[in-house]
N, C-alpha and C. Protein backbone atom coordinates (compact mmCIF):
# COMPACT_ATOMS: atom_id res chain seq x y z
N MET A 1 137.54 127.90 117.23
CA MET A 1 138.27 127.58 116.02
C MET A 1 138.77 128.84 115.29
N PRO A 2 137.96 129.89 115.19
CA PRO A 2 138.45 131.08 114.48
C PRO A 2 139.73 131.66 115.08
N SER A 3 139.84 131.69 116.39
CA SER A 3 141.06 132.25 117.02
C SER A 3 142.27 131.39 116.74
N LEU A 4 142.09 130.08 116.74
CA LEU A 4 143.20 129.17 116.46
C LEU A 4 143.65 129.30 115.01
N VAL A 5 142.71 129.40 114.10
CA VAL A 5 143.04 129.56 112.68
C VAL A 5 143.74 130.90 112.46
N GLU A 6 143.27 131.94 113.11
CA GLU A 6 143.92 133.26 112.98
C GLU A 6 145.36 133.20 113.50
N ALA A 7 145.58 132.54 114.63
CA ALA A 7 146.93 132.42 115.18
C ALA A 7 147.84 131.65 114.22
N ALA A 8 147.32 130.61 113.60
CA ALA A 8 148.11 129.84 112.63
C ALA A 8 148.46 130.72 111.42
N ARG A 9 147.50 131.47 110.95
CA ARG A 9 147.72 132.34 109.79
C ARG A 9 148.78 133.39 110.08
N GLU A 10 148.84 133.86 111.33
CA GLU A 10 149.79 134.90 111.72
C GLU A 10 151.11 134.34 112.25
N HIS A 11 151.32 133.04 112.09
CA HIS A 11 152.56 132.37 112.50
C HIS A 11 152.80 132.49 114.00
N ARG A 12 151.74 132.53 114.80
CA ARG A 12 151.88 132.68 116.25
C ARG A 12 151.90 131.36 117.00
N LEU A 13 151.72 130.22 116.29
CA LEU A 13 151.71 128.93 116.97
C LEU A 13 153.12 128.53 117.38
N ALA A 14 153.32 128.32 118.66
CA ALA A 14 154.59 127.75 119.14
C ALA A 14 154.43 126.24 119.21
N THR A 15 153.28 125.79 119.74
CA THR A 15 152.97 124.36 119.84
C THR A 15 151.50 124.16 119.50
N LEU A 16 151.25 123.29 118.54
CA LEU A 16 149.88 122.90 118.21
C LEU A 16 149.54 121.70 119.06
N LEU A 17 148.42 121.78 119.77
CA LEU A 17 147.95 120.68 120.63
C LEU A 17 146.84 119.94 119.90
N VAL A 18 147.00 118.63 119.78
CA VAL A 18 146.03 117.83 119.03
C VAL A 18 145.60 116.65 119.90
N ARG A 19 144.29 116.51 120.06
CA ARG A 19 143.74 115.33 120.73
C ARG A 19 143.09 114.49 119.65
N PRO A 20 143.70 113.34 119.30
CA PRO A 20 143.11 112.50 118.26
C PRO A 20 141.66 112.15 118.60
N GLY A 21 140.81 112.26 117.62
CA GLY A 21 139.40 111.96 117.81
C GLY A 21 138.58 113.12 118.34
N GLY A 22 139.21 114.27 118.56
CA GLY A 22 138.47 115.44 119.05
C GLY A 22 137.46 115.91 118.01
N PRO A 23 136.34 116.45 118.46
CA PRO A 23 135.28 116.83 117.52
C PRO A 23 135.65 117.97 116.56
N ASP A 24 136.58 118.84 116.93
CA ASP A 24 136.93 119.96 116.05
C ASP A 24 137.81 119.56 114.87
N ARG A 25 138.40 118.38 114.93
CA ARG A 25 139.35 118.01 113.87
C ARG A 25 138.70 117.95 112.50
N ASP A 26 137.42 117.61 112.46
CA ASP A 26 136.71 117.50 111.18
C ASP A 26 136.05 118.80 110.75
N THR A 27 136.23 119.87 111.50
CA THR A 27 135.65 121.16 111.14
C THR A 27 136.22 121.60 109.79
N GLU A 28 135.36 122.12 108.93
CA GLU A 28 135.80 122.58 107.61
C GLU A 28 136.46 123.95 107.72
N VAL A 29 137.65 124.05 107.17
CA VAL A 29 138.32 125.33 107.01
C VAL A 29 138.71 125.44 105.54
N TRP A 30 139.26 126.59 105.18
CA TRP A 30 139.63 126.82 103.78
C TRP A 30 141.12 127.12 103.70
N VAL A 31 141.77 126.58 102.69
CA VAL A 31 143.21 126.75 102.53
C VAL A 31 143.55 127.19 101.11
N GLY A 32 144.70 127.85 101.01
CA GLY A 32 145.26 128.21 99.71
C GLY A 32 146.59 127.51 99.54
N ASP A 33 147.39 127.98 98.59
CA ASP A 33 148.68 127.35 98.32
C ASP A 33 149.70 127.59 99.43
N GLY A 34 149.65 128.75 100.06
CA GLY A 34 150.61 129.07 101.11
C GLY A 34 150.18 128.53 102.46
N ALA A 35 151.14 128.18 103.30
CA ALA A 35 150.84 127.63 104.62
C ALA A 35 150.10 128.64 105.50
N ASP A 36 150.27 129.93 105.23
CA ASP A 36 149.58 130.95 106.02
C ASP A 36 148.24 131.35 105.38
N GLN A 37 147.88 130.69 104.33
CA GLN A 37 146.58 130.94 103.71
C GLN A 37 145.59 129.91 104.25
N VAL A 38 145.06 130.23 105.42
CA VAL A 38 144.08 129.38 106.07
C VAL A 38 143.03 130.27 106.72
N GLY A 39 141.77 129.88 106.60
CA GLY A 39 140.69 130.69 107.15
C GLY A 39 139.46 129.85 107.43
N VAL A 40 138.57 130.38 108.22
CA VAL A 40 137.34 129.65 108.53
C VAL A 40 136.26 129.87 107.47
N ARG A 41 136.43 130.91 106.65
CA ARG A 41 135.48 131.19 105.56
C ARG A 41 136.25 131.28 104.24
N ARG A 42 135.60 130.84 103.21
CA ARG A 42 136.21 130.88 101.87
C ARG A 42 136.60 132.31 101.48
N SER A 43 135.78 133.27 101.85
CA SER A 43 136.03 134.66 101.49
C SER A 43 137.33 135.19 102.11
N GLU A 44 137.71 134.68 103.27
CA GLU A 44 138.98 135.09 103.89
C GLU A 44 140.16 134.75 102.98
N LEU A 45 140.11 133.59 102.36
CA LEU A 45 141.21 133.16 101.50
C LEU A 45 141.30 133.99 100.24
N GLN A 46 140.16 134.38 99.72
CA GLN A 46 140.18 135.24 98.55
C GLN A 46 140.81 136.58 98.90
N TYR A 47 140.53 137.07 100.10
CA TYR A 47 141.14 138.32 100.58
C TYR A 47 142.65 138.16 100.75
N LEU A 48 143.09 136.95 101.14
CA LEU A 48 144.52 136.68 101.34
C LEU A 48 145.25 136.36 100.03
N GLY A 49 144.53 136.41 98.93
CA GLY A 49 145.18 136.22 97.63
C GLY A 49 145.17 134.81 97.08
N ALA A 50 144.41 133.92 97.70
CA ALA A 50 144.32 132.55 97.18
C ALA A 50 143.28 132.53 96.06
N PRO A 51 143.72 132.30 94.81
CA PRO A 51 142.79 132.37 93.70
C PRO A 51 141.73 131.26 93.72
N GLU A 52 142.09 130.08 94.22
CA GLU A 52 141.15 128.97 94.26
C GLU A 52 141.21 128.28 95.62
N PRO A 53 140.57 128.85 96.65
CA PRO A 53 140.58 128.22 97.97
C PRO A 53 139.97 126.83 97.92
N ALA A 54 140.52 125.95 98.73
CA ALA A 54 140.01 124.58 98.81
C ALA A 54 139.57 124.27 100.23
N SER A 55 138.58 123.45 100.35
CA SER A 55 138.09 123.01 101.65
C SER A 55 139.07 121.98 102.23
N ALA A 56 139.29 122.02 103.56
CA ALA A 56 140.17 121.06 104.21
C ALA A 56 139.68 120.81 105.63
N ARG A 57 140.09 119.69 106.18
CA ARG A 57 139.80 119.43 107.59
C ARG A 57 140.69 120.32 108.44
N ALA A 58 140.16 120.79 109.55
CA ALA A 58 140.91 121.70 110.42
C ALA A 58 142.22 121.10 110.89
N ASP A 59 142.22 119.84 111.30
CA ASP A 59 143.46 119.26 111.81
C ASP A 59 144.53 119.19 110.73
N ASP A 60 144.15 118.86 109.51
CA ASP A 60 145.11 118.80 108.41
C ASP A 60 145.69 120.19 108.11
N ALA A 61 144.82 121.18 108.02
CA ALA A 61 145.26 122.53 107.69
C ALA A 61 146.16 123.10 108.78
N LEU A 62 145.81 122.87 110.05
CA LEU A 62 146.60 123.41 111.15
C LEU A 62 147.94 122.68 111.28
N LEU A 63 147.96 121.38 111.05
CA LEU A 63 149.24 120.65 111.05
C LEU A 63 150.16 121.19 109.96
N ARG A 64 149.61 121.42 108.78
CA ARG A 64 150.39 121.97 107.67
C ARG A 64 150.98 123.32 108.04
N SER A 65 150.16 124.18 108.62
CA SER A 65 150.61 125.51 109.01
C SER A 65 151.67 125.43 110.11
N ALA A 66 151.44 124.57 111.09
CA ALA A 66 152.39 124.43 112.20
C ALA A 66 153.75 123.95 111.69
N LEU A 67 153.75 122.95 110.86
CA LEU A 67 155.02 122.41 110.36
C LEU A 67 155.75 123.42 109.47
N ALA A 68 155.01 124.18 108.70
CA ALA A 68 155.63 125.17 107.81
C ALA A 68 156.27 126.32 108.57
N THR A 69 155.81 126.55 109.81
CA THR A 69 156.34 127.67 110.60
C THR A 69 157.21 127.18 111.77
N ASP A 70 157.66 125.93 111.69
CA ASP A 70 158.53 125.33 112.71
C ASP A 70 157.90 125.29 114.10
N ALA A 71 156.60 125.19 114.17
CA ALA A 71 155.93 125.00 115.45
C ALA A 71 156.01 123.52 115.84
N GLU A 72 155.99 123.27 117.12
CA GLU A 72 155.95 121.89 117.59
C GLU A 72 154.52 121.40 117.54
N VAL A 73 154.36 120.08 117.51
CA VAL A 73 153.04 119.47 117.54
C VAL A 73 153.05 118.48 118.70
N LEU A 74 152.07 118.61 119.57
CA LEU A 74 151.97 117.74 120.74
C LEU A 74 150.65 117.00 120.69
N LEU A 75 150.73 115.66 120.66
CA LEU A 75 149.52 114.83 120.66
C LEU A 75 149.15 114.52 122.10
N ALA A 76 147.89 114.71 122.43
CA ALA A 76 147.40 114.38 123.77
C ALA A 76 147.35 112.86 123.93
N ALA A 77 147.54 112.41 125.15
CA ALA A 77 147.50 110.98 125.45
C ALA A 77 146.07 110.45 125.27
N PRO A 78 145.95 109.18 124.91
CA PRO A 78 144.61 108.59 124.80
C PRO A 78 143.84 108.76 126.11
N GLY A 79 142.58 109.14 126.00
CA GLY A 79 141.75 109.34 127.16
C GLY A 79 141.84 110.74 127.75
N GLU A 80 142.80 111.52 127.31
CA GLU A 80 142.96 112.90 127.79
C GLU A 80 141.81 113.75 127.24
N GLU A 81 141.29 114.64 128.04
CA GLU A 81 140.16 115.47 127.62
C GLU A 81 140.59 116.86 127.15
N LEU A 82 141.85 117.14 127.17
CA LEU A 82 142.34 118.46 126.74
C LEU A 82 143.17 118.30 125.49
N PRO A 83 143.20 119.21 124.60
CA PRO A 83 142.43 120.44 124.62
C PRO A 83 140.96 120.19 124.32
N VAL A 84 140.12 121.04 124.86
CA VAL A 84 138.68 120.94 124.62
C VAL A 84 138.45 121.07 123.12
N GLY A 85 137.67 120.19 122.57
CA GLY A 85 137.40 120.22 121.13
C GLY A 85 138.43 119.44 120.33
N GLY A 86 139.58 119.19 120.92
CA GLY A 86 140.60 118.39 120.23
C GLY A 86 141.72 119.18 119.60
N LEU A 87 141.58 120.49 119.48
CA LEU A 87 142.63 121.32 118.89
C LEU A 87 142.87 122.54 119.76
N GLY A 88 144.12 122.88 119.98
CA GLY A 88 144.47 124.06 120.76
C GLY A 88 145.90 124.45 120.46
N ALA A 89 146.40 125.44 121.15
CA ALA A 89 147.77 125.88 120.87
C ALA A 89 148.36 126.65 122.04
N LEU A 90 149.67 126.59 122.13
CA LEU A 90 150.46 127.50 122.94
C LEU A 90 151.03 128.50 121.94
N LEU A 91 150.89 129.77 122.23
CA LEU A 91 151.27 130.80 121.26
C LEU A 91 152.66 131.36 121.52
N ARG A 92 153.30 131.77 120.45
CA ARG A 92 154.60 132.45 120.56
C ARG A 92 154.42 133.81 121.22
N TRP A 93 153.33 134.48 120.89
CA TRP A 93 152.98 135.75 121.51
C TRP A 93 151.48 135.94 121.33
N SER A 94 150.90 136.75 122.20
CA SER A 94 149.49 137.09 122.06
C SER A 94 149.41 138.50 121.49
N HIS A 95 148.25 138.88 121.06
CA HIS A 95 148.08 140.25 120.56
C HIS A 95 148.37 141.25 121.66
N ALA A 96 147.99 140.95 122.89
CA ALA A 96 148.21 141.86 124.01
C ALA A 96 149.70 142.10 124.24
N SER A 97 150.50 141.03 124.22
CA SER A 97 151.94 141.21 124.45
C SER A 97 152.59 141.95 123.30
N ARG A 98 152.10 141.76 122.10
CA ARG A 98 152.65 142.46 120.94
C ARG A 98 152.37 143.95 121.04
N ARG A 99 151.13 144.30 121.43
CA ARG A 99 150.79 145.70 121.60
C ARG A 99 151.63 146.33 122.71
N THR A 100 151.85 145.60 123.75
CA THR A 100 152.65 146.11 124.85
C THR A 100 154.05 146.45 124.37
N GLN A 101 154.64 145.59 123.57
CA GLN A 101 155.98 145.85 123.03
C GLN A 101 155.96 147.07 122.11
N GLU A 102 154.93 147.18 121.28
CA GLU A 102 154.82 148.34 120.39
C GLU A 102 154.66 149.63 121.19
N GLU A 103 153.89 149.56 122.28
CA GLU A 103 153.72 150.73 123.12
C GLU A 103 155.03 151.13 123.78
N LYS A 104 155.82 150.16 124.23
CA LYS A 104 157.12 150.44 124.84
C LYS A 104 158.04 151.10 123.83
N THR A 105 158.05 150.60 122.60
CA THR A 105 158.89 151.16 121.56
C THR A 105 158.47 152.60 121.28
N ALA A 106 157.16 152.84 121.21
CA ALA A 106 156.66 154.20 120.96
C ALA A 106 157.04 155.14 122.10
N GLU A 107 156.95 154.65 123.34
CA GLU A 107 157.32 155.48 124.48
C GLU A 107 158.81 155.81 124.48
N GLU A 108 159.65 154.82 124.13
CA GLU A 108 161.10 155.04 124.07
C GLU A 108 161.43 156.05 122.98
N THR A 109 160.76 155.96 121.85
CA THR A 109 160.99 156.88 120.73
C THR A 109 160.57 158.30 121.13
N ALA A 110 159.43 158.41 121.79
CA ALA A 110 158.93 159.71 122.21
C ALA A 110 159.84 160.36 123.26
N ALA A 111 160.48 159.54 124.09
CA ALA A 111 161.35 160.06 125.16
C ALA A 111 162.67 160.60 124.60
N GLU A 112 163.05 160.18 123.41
CA GLU A 112 164.33 160.60 122.84
C GLU A 112 164.29 161.98 122.31
């Protein structure tokens, strides 16, 4: 759950995968006024500038974040066992691919 919440906060969700009835959907997360103000701990939201974080269900908070960032939402078919836990995502980019692009840019700059 922490990795999924972090990806939502960083606008990296391309597609949010939801399996209705999955056990993770009721996991408590914390939200602020902004769609990118979502965290697994209340203290994260205070760090992100949310003056009064509120408790929310994970599926509600992630749907809100996905819709606010134009991510698609895909519901799993009844009886489907994926995603494990009931919530998952396809990402726009991973941290590894982002670093790779930054490294390429740095190398191109250094070569000039």
